[in-house]
């Protein structure tokens, strides 16, 4: 496993067959009057084996006020995915937030 300077959020497990949305909250990172202007989310394997971890990302991320929302789908059972959200603000700053998403078979949760 890699070591991160900041600890990622740990999300509730997602079933292999589910498509769901995850959100990243930038409330505490934005200055007064600053807004989110653009965003993207990338996926890598934190623990387990998946040769195509980016396939868990479904479509583009969406900005909703101080949140970035990303749909995730499929994934492999017993794999933990590290989702890294990168957002650019109206003031030109680049902010990042991360979350760990475990994927399980329906009978494992």
Protein backbone atom coordinates (compact mmCIF):
# COMPACT_ATOMS: atom_id res chain seq x y z
CA UNK A 1 0.00 0.00 0.00
CA UNK A 2 1.03 3.57 -0.65
CA UNK A 3 1.39 6.20 2.05
CA UNK A 4 -0.66 9.37 1.68
CA UNK A 5 0.10 12.68 3.38
CA UNK A 6 -3.62 13.17 4.10
CA UNK A 7 -5.85 10.29 5.07
CA UNK A 8 -8.57 9.56 2.50
CA UNK A 9 -12.20 9.25 3.52
CA UNK A 10 -13.38 5.65 3.72
CA UNK A 11 -16.63 5.11 1.87
CA UNK A 12 -19.24 2.44 2.53
CA UNK A 13 -18.70 -0.70 0.43
CA UNK A 14 -20.20 -0.79 -3.06
CA UNK A 15 -21.54 -4.03 -4.50
CA UNK A 16 -20.00 -5.24 -7.77
CA UNK A 17 -23.33 -4.88 -9.62
CA UNK A 18 -24.13 -1.40 -8.33
CA UNK A 19 -23.83 1.96 -9.99
CA UNK A 20 -23.75 4.67 -7.34
CA UNK A 21 -22.50 8.21 -6.79
CA UNK A 22 -19.75 9.36 -4.47
CA UNK A 23 -19.22 12.95 -3.42
CA UNK A 24 -16.22 15.01 -2.40
CA UNK A 25 -16.86 17.96 -0.08
CA UNK A 26 -14.64 21.03 -0.57
CA UNK A 27 -16.47 23.25 1.96
CA UNK A 28 -13.47 23.63 4.26
CA UNK A 29 -11.03 24.24 1.40
CA UNK A 30 -12.76 27.16 -0.32
CA UNK A 31 -12.10 30.79 0.54
CA UNK A 32 -15.00 33.23 0.97
CA UNK A 33 -16.62 33.80 -2.42
CA UNK A 34 -14.53 31.12 -4.11
CA UNK A 35 -16.35 28.45 -6.12
CA UNK A 36 -15.47 25.20 -7.85
CA UNK A 37 -14.91 25.75 -11.58
CA UNK A 38 -13.89 22.33 -12.93
CA UNK A 39 -13.25 18.83 -11.65
CA UNK A 40 -12.11 15.34 -12.50
CA UNK A 41 -11.89 12.04 -10.63
CA UNK A 42 -9.32 9.29 -11.23
CA UNK A 43 -9.27 5.76 -9.82
CA UNK A 44 -6.32 3.55 -8.91
CA UNK A 45 -6.06 0.32 -6.94
CA UNK A 46 -5.27 0.82 -3.26
CA UNK A 47 -5.45 -2.87 -2.30
CA UNK A 48 -6.22 -5.95 -4.40
CA UNK A 49 -5.86 -6.54 -8.12
CA UNK A 50 -7.61 -4.83 -11.04
CA UNK A 51 -5.75 -4.23 -14.30
CA UNK A 52 -8.28 -1.53 -15.33
CA UNK A 53 -9.15 0.47 -12.22
CA UNK A 54 -10.26 3.51 -14.23
CA UNK A 55 -13.20 1.44 -15.54
CA UNK A 56 -14.96 2.02 -12.19
CA UNK A 57 -15.41 5.71 -13.14
CA UNK A 58 -18.67 6.25 -15.03
CA UNK A 59 -18.89 9.48 -17.00
CA UNK A 60 -17.62 12.89 -15.97
CA UNK A 61 -17.76 14.40 -12.51
CA UNK A 62 -20.38 17.06 -11.77
CA UNK A 63 -20.01 20.15 -9.58
CA UNK A 64 -22.87 20.92 -7.20
CA UNK A 65 -22.03 24.03 -5.13
CA UNK A 66 -19.14 22.89 -2.84
CA UNK A 67 -19.36 19.21 -3.84
CA UNK A 68 -17.95 17.16 -6.71
CA UNK A 69 -20.13 14.17 -7.53
CA UNK A 70 -18.89 11.16 -9.49
CA UNK A 71 -20.77 8.04 -10.59
CA UNK A 72 -18.96 4.75 -10.01
CA UNK A 73 -19.92 1.39 -11.45
CA UNK A 74 -18.87 -2.27 -11.44
CA UNK A 75 -15.37 -2.84 -10.08
CA UNK A 76 -13.94 -6.12 -8.86
CA UNK A 77 -14.84 -7.87 -5.61
CA UNK A 78 -12.30 -7.58 -2.80
CA UNK A 79 -10.58 -4.57 -4.36
CA UNK A 80 -10.18 -1.22 -2.62
CA UNK A 81 -10.09 1.70 -5.06
CA UNK A 82 -8.47 5.04 -4.30
CA UNK A 83 -10.55 7.80 -5.88
CA UNK A 84 -8.67 11.08 -6.30
CA UNK A 85 -10.75 14.16 -7.03
CA UNK A 86 -8.99 17.20 -8.46
CA UNK A 87 -10.90 20.49 -8.59
CA UNK A 88 -9.91 23.88 -9.94
CA UNK A 89 -11.45 26.92 -8.25
CA UNK A 90 -12.65 30.27 -9.52
CA UNK A 91 -9.44 31.75 -8.06
CA UNK A 92 -7.25 29.36 -10.05
CA UNK A 93 -6.32 27.13 -7.14
CA UNK A 94 -6.08 23.35 -7.56
CA UNK A 95 -7.57 21.34 -4.70
CA UNK A 96 -7.60 17.59 -4.16
CA UNK A 97 -9.58 15.17 -2.03
CA UNK A 98 -9.42 11.39 -1.89
CA UNK A 99 -11.58 8.49 -0.79
CA UNK A 100 -11.20 4.74 -0.49
CA UNK A 101 -14.01 2.68 -2.02
CA UNK A 102 -14.16 -1.04 -1.20
CA UNK A 103 -16.04 -3.23 -3.68
CA UNK A 104 -17.65 -6.46 -2.50
CA UNK A 105 -19.94 -9.19 -3.77
CA UNK A 106 -23.52 -8.77 -2.49
CA UNK A 107 -23.17 -11.64 0.02
CA UNK A 108 -20.01 -10.14 1.61
CA UNK A 109 -21.32 -6.82 2.94
